[in-house]
Amino acid sequence: MQSITNIQADYKNFYKWMLVPFSISILGFSYSYYLNLANATFHQHVHGISATLWYVLILIQPYLITRKQNIQKHKTLGTVGIILAGVVAGSALTIIPKNIDDVKALDVNGFFNPTFAYFATLIDFLLVSMFMLSVGLAILSIKNKKVPDHVQWLMASVFFVLSPGLARLMGIISIIANKGSLEGISLEKLAIPAMVVMISLISFFYYKYGSFRHLSFKLLIICHVPYLFVSQIGNNEHFRNIVTAIFK
């Protein structure tokens, strides 16, 4: 296992860089959640609060190790993090079926249209599953005293659940650029640009704090490839029938 001195040297600014995905998520869900708390459902509150606390923990944990050298508090908060991760994943799974609750009433040209609604059901389930896997492997890595693996799996857990916030942030920016109009703007059309930005962010973070050979990096890339096929997946009748049978 790396000494505390080496960990400080290798990851001393890691917590600062984690502000990037944290900010993307907060800004991306600003209109749909953070600025709309009064209208949020119980499930949304459970997911929103737990996810926010998870991100905060991702900022605090490396700070405790690299700047405060407080290993005991880091371990204690790690236990809290396991519970939080379970709440994040569990609450997300309860929200996924709601993507297609009112799918027949969605505007085919709307920001969140039927095509993306069906696609979102698939990609959300995939990414939440990978989030759970990455947290589990991060725990296993630190038990085996493999700090680089621990960092990379936790870093992956952040990026596995970042794309929904990133796509919405790009939507907000597009709407502002379009002078407040939603015309011609949809999550379906933003899917590929968001994927390109996501893969660029992932690559940058793995260049700084990981390895392109690490399994977590490969899984992150593979799991974002479906964004290339939003229309083909979301408009496929067989797929829609399967999704409806499973989630409704």
Protein backbone atom coordinates (compact mmCIF):
# COMPACT_ATOMS: atom_id res chain seq x y z
CA MET A 1 0.00 0.00 0.00
CA GLN A 2 1.25 3.51 -0.77
CA SER A 3 2.59 5.54 2.14
CA ILE A 4 0.64 8.60 3.26
CA THR A 5 3.45 10.75 1.84
CA ASN A 6 3.07 9.25 -1.64
CA ILE A 7 -0.70 9.54 -1.49
CA GLN A 8 -0.37 13.22 -0.59
CA ALA A 9 1.93 13.79 -3.54
CA ASP A 10 -0.12 11.86 -6.09
CA TYR A 11 -3.60 13.04 -5.13
CA LYS A 12 -3.12 16.33 -3.29
CA ASN A 13 -5.34 18.28 -5.71
CA PHE A 14 -7.76 15.48 -6.51
CA TYR A 15 -10.52 16.92 -4.32
CA LYS A 16 -10.26 20.25 -6.16
CA TRP A 17 -10.70 18.58 -9.55
CA MET A 18 -13.74 16.73 -8.24
CA LEU A 19 -15.41 20.14 -8.04
CA VAL A 20 -15.76 19.93 -11.84
CA PRO A 21 -18.23 17.00 -11.98
CA PHE A 22 -19.89 18.26 -8.79
CA SER A 23 -20.55 21.67 -10.38
CA ILE A 24 -21.80 20.09 -13.62
CA SER A 25 -24.30 17.99 -11.70
CA ILE A 26 -25.55 20.88 -9.52
CA LEU A 27 -25.94 23.23 -12.49
CA GLY A 28 -27.44 20.54 -14.71
CA PHE A 29 -30.18 19.72 -12.23
CA SER A 30 -30.64 23.30 -11.06
CA TYR A 31 -33.92 23.96 -12.87
CA SER A 32 -35.39 20.49 -12.60
CA TYR A 33 -34.54 19.99 -8.92
CA TYR A 34 -32.47 22.47 -6.90
CA LEU A 35 -34.54 25.50 -7.93
CA ASN A 36 -37.76 23.51 -7.90
CA LEU A 37 -37.63 21.83 -4.49
CA ALA A 38 -41.22 22.67 -3.57
CA ASN A 39 -42.56 20.63 -6.52
CA ALA A 40 -40.19 17.67 -6.19
CA THR A 41 -41.58 14.27 -5.23
CA PHE A 42 -40.44 12.27 -2.21
CA HIS A 43 -38.42 9.93 -4.46
CA GLN A 44 -36.74 12.91 -6.11
CA HIS A 45 -35.81 14.37 -2.73
CA VAL A 46 -34.33 11.09 -1.52
CA HIS A 47 -32.29 10.75 -4.70
CA GLY A 48 -31.33 14.42 -4.95
CA ILE A 49 -30.22 14.77 -1.34
CA SER A 50 -28.35 11.45 -1.23
CA ALA A 51 -26.61 12.14 -4.56
CA THR A 52 -25.59 15.62 -3.40
CA LEU A 53 -24.18 14.23 -0.16
CA TRP A 54 -22.34 11.54 -2.13
CA TYR A 55 -20.63 14.21 -4.24
CA VAL A 56 -19.74 16.20 -1.12
CA LEU A 57 -18.20 13.07 0.37
CA ILE A 58 -16.16 12.56 -2.80
CA LEU A 59 -14.73 16.04 -2.19
CA ILE A 60 -14.12 15.59 1.54
CA GLN A 61 -12.56 12.11 1.54
CA PRO A 62 -9.42 12.85 -0.52
CA TYR A 63 -9.01 16.14 1.35
CA LEU A 64 -8.94 14.29 4.68
CA ILE A 65 -6.20 11.97 3.45
CA THR A 66 -4.00 14.34 1.44
CA ARG A 67 -4.31 17.53 3.48
CA LYS A 68 -5.32 16.46 7.00
CA GLN A 69 -3.82 12.97 7.09
CA ASN A 70 -6.89 11.94 9.06
CA ILE A 71 -7.12 8.26 8.23
CA GLN A 72 -9.60 7.37 10.99
CA LYS A 73 -12.16 9.99 9.94
CA HIS A 74 -11.63 8.95 6.32
CA LYS A 75 -12.51 5.36 7.26
CA THR A 76 -15.55 6.45 9.28
CA LEU A 77 -16.90 8.57 6.45
CA GLY A 78 -16.16 5.69 4.09
CA THR A 79 -18.72 3.62 5.97
CA VAL A 80 -21.20 6.48 5.66
CA GLY A 81 -20.38 6.60 1.96
CA ILE A 82 -21.34 2.95 1.50
CA ILE A 83 -24.77 3.66 2.97
CA LEU A 84 -25.15 6.80 0.87
CA ALA A 85 -24.19 4.96 -2.30
CA GLY A 86 -26.89 2.39 -1.58
CA VAL A 87 -29.48 5.13 -1.14
CA VAL A 88 -28.35 6.88 -4.33
CA ALA A 89 -28.63 3.67 -6.36
CA GLY A 90 -31.86 2.49 -4.74
CA SER A 91 -33.62 5.83 -5.18
CA ALA A 92 -32.41 6.06 -8.77
CA LEU A 93 -33.90 2.66 -9.54
CA THR A 94 -37.29 3.82 -8.24
CA ILE A 95 -37.17 6.87 -10.50
CA ILE A 96 -36.14 5.08 -13.71
CA PRO A 97 -39.65 3.73 -14.51
CA LYS A 98 -41.00 7.27 -14.27
CA ASN A 99 -39.17 8.08 -17.54
CA ILE A 100 -42.04 6.43 -19.40
CA ASP A 101 -44.92 7.17 -17.00
CA ASP A 102 -46.50 9.79 -19.26
CA VAL A 103 -44.67 8.90 -22.44
CA LYS A 104 -47.82 9.12 -24.60
CA ALA A 105 -48.30 12.72 -23.55
CA LEU A 106 -44.74 13.77 -24.45
CA ASP A 107 -44.16 16.03 -27.45
CA VAL A 108 -42.20 14.14 -30.11
CA ASN A 109 -40.25 17.33 -30.72
CA GLY A 110 -39.98 18.28 -27.06
CA PHE A 111 -36.90 18.65 -24.87
CA PHE A 112 -37.64 15.28 -23.24
CA ASN A 113 -39.39 13.38 -26.03
CA PRO A 114 -40.67 9.77 -26.24
CA THR A 115 -37.55 8.58 -28.07
CA PHE A 116 -35.26 9.82 -25.33
CA ALA A 117 -37.65 8.68 -22.59
CA TYR A 118 -37.33 5.04 -23.68
CA PHE A 119 -33.60 5.37 -24.24
CA ALA A 120 -33.15 7.00 -20.83
CA THR A 121 -34.77 4.00 -19.17
CA LEU A 122 -32.06 1.75 -20.62
CA ILE A 123 -29.06 4.03 -20.12
CA ASP A 124 -30.07 5.06 -16.61
CA PHE A 125 -30.41 1.43 -15.53
CA LEU A 126 -27.03 0.60 -17.11
CA LEU A 127 -25.21 3.53 -15.52
CA VAL A 128 -26.75 3.04 -12.08
CA SER A 129 -25.74 -0.63 -12.22
CA MET A 130 -22.19 0.37 -13.11
CA PHE A 131 -22.21 2.94 -10.31
CA MET A 132 -23.01 0.17 -7.83
CA LEU A 133 -20.32 -2.07 -9.33
CA SER A 134 -17.67 0.66 -9.17
CA VAL A 135 -18.45 1.47 -5.53
CA GLY A 136 -18.24 -2.22 -4.66
CA LEU A 137 -14.89 -2.61 -6.41
CA ALA A 138 -13.59 0.58 -4.76
CA ILE A 139 -14.34 -0.98 -1.37
CA LEU A 140 -12.67 -4.24 -2.37
CA SER A 141 -9.62 -2.36 -3.66
CA ILE A 142 -9.00 -0.49 -0.43
CA LYS A 143 -9.47 -3.69 1.59
CA ASN A 144 -6.71 -5.16 -0.59
CA LYS A 145 -4.65 -2.00 0.04
CA LYS A 146 -4.66 -1.00 -3.64
CA VAL A 147 -4.97 2.78 -3.42
CA PRO A 148 -4.73 3.58 -7.18
CA ASP A 149 -7.50 1.07 -7.89
CA HIS A 150 -9.56 2.52 -5.05
CA VAL A 151 -9.23 6.04 -6.46
CA GLN A 152 -10.02 5.00 -10.01
CA TRP A 153 -13.13 3.04 -9.09
CA LEU A 154 -14.45 5.90 -6.97
CA MET A 155 -13.64 8.32 -9.76
CA ALA A 156 -15.53 6.04 -12.12
CA SER A 157 -18.55 6.02 -9.79
CA VAL A 158 -18.80 9.79 -10.25
CA PHE A 159 -18.58 9.65 -14.03
CA PHE A 160 -21.00 6.75 -14.38
CA VAL A 161 -23.79 8.98 -13.06
CA LEU A 162 -22.69 12.34 -14.47
CA SER A 163 -24.09 12.22 -18.01
CA PRO A 164 -27.74 13.04 -17.08
CA GLY A 165 -26.60 16.23 -15.36
CA LEU A 166 -24.19 17.10 -18.16
CA ALA A 167 -26.85 16.66 -20.87
CA ARG A 168 -29.26 18.88 -18.95
CA LEU A 169 -26.57 21.51 -18.40
CA MET A 170 -25.86 21.55 -22.13
CA GLY A 171 -29.62 21.90 -22.65
CA ILE A 172 -29.74 24.90 -20.32
CA ILE A 173 -26.82 26.51 -22.13
CA SER A 174 -28.49 25.84 -25.50
CA ILE A 175 -31.77 27.38 -24.32
CA ILE A 176 -29.97 30.48 -23.03
CA ALA A 177 -28.10 30.76 -26.34
CA ASN A 178 -31.46 30.39 -28.11
CA LYS A 179 -32.78 33.39 -26.15
CA GLY A 180 -34.93 31.29 -23.84
CA SER A 181 -36.63 29.28 -26.55
CA LEU A 182 -36.85 25.48 -26.48
CA GLU A 183 -37.47 25.30 -30.20
CA GLY A 184 -35.23 22.75 -31.88
CA ILE A 185 -33.56 21.74 -28.60
CA SER A 186 -33.93 18.23 -27.18
CA LEU A 187 -31.98 15.75 -25.09
CA GLU A 188 -32.08 13.43 -28.10
CA LYS A 189 -30.16 15.95 -30.22
CA LEU A 190 -27.77 16.72 -27.38
CA ALA A 191 -26.91 13.06 -26.78
CA ILE A 192 -23.88 12.83 -29.06
CA PRO A 193 -22.39 16.23 -28.10
CA ALA A 194 -22.86 15.29 -24.43
CA MET A 195 -21.18 11.94 -25.07
CA VAL A 196 -18.18 13.66 -26.68
CA VAL A 197 -17.82 16.01 -23.69
CA MET A 198 -18.23 13.10 -21.26
CA ILE A 199 -15.55 10.99 -22.91
CA SER A 200 -13.24 14.03 -23.04
CA LEU A 201 -13.75 14.65 -19.31
CA ILE A 202 -13.24 10.99 -18.48
CA SER A 203 -10.05 10.86 -20.55
CA PHE A 204 -8.71 14.02 -18.93
CA PHE A 205 -9.29 12.73 -15.39
CA TYR A 206 -7.79 9.34 -16.16
CA TYR A 207 -4.77 11.05 -17.73
CA LYS A 208 -4.24 12.96 -14.46
CA TYR A 209 -5.26 10.39 -11.85
CA GLY A 210 -5.63 7.00 -13.47
CA SER A 211 -4.64 4.71 -16.26
CA PHE A 212 -6.24 4.20 -19.66
CA ARG A 213 -5.56 0.49 -19.16
CA HIS A 214 -7.68 0.33 -16.02
CA LEU A 215 -10.92 -1.65 -16.31
CA SER A 216 -12.96 1.26 -14.95
CA PHE A 217 -11.85 3.51 -17.84
CA LYS A 218 -12.75 0.87 -20.42
CA LEU A 219 -16.18 0.31 -18.85
CA LEU A 220 -16.86 4.05 -18.76
CA ILE A 221 -16.15 4.36 -22.48
CA ILE A 222 -18.20 1.28 -23.39
CA CYS A 223 -21.18 2.41 -21.31
CA HIS A 224 -21.34 5.78 -23.07
CA VAL A 225 -21.27 4.34 -26.59
CA PRO A 226 -25.10 3.82 -26.62
CA TYR A 227 -25.48 7.61 -26.82
CA LEU A 228 -24.53 7.23 -30.48
CA PHE A 229 -27.74 5.27 -31.05
CA VAL A 230 -30.43 7.15 -29.12
CA SER A 231 -32.87 7.26 -32.04
CA GLN A 232 -32.29 3.66 -33.11
CA ILE A 233 -32.79 2.38 -29.56
CA GLY A 234 -35.54 4.72 -28.42
CA ASN A 235 -37.67 4.28 -31.55
CA ASN A 236 -37.40 0.52 -31.76
CA GLU A 237 -40.86 -0.96 -31.12
CA HIS A 238 -39.55 -4.27 -29.80
CA PHE A 239 -37.33 -2.43 -27.34
CA ARG A 240 -40.23 -0.22 -26.26
CA ASN A 241 -42.39 -3.25 -25.62
CA ILE A 242 -39.67 -4.89 -23.54
CA VAL A 243 -39.10 -1.73 -21.50
CA THR A 244 -42.82 -1.31 -20.93
CA ALA A 245 -43.18 -4.94 -19.83
CA ILE A 246 -40.30 -4.64 -17.36
CA PHE A 247 -40.92 -1.19 -15.87
CA LYS A 248 -44.70 -0.80 -16.07
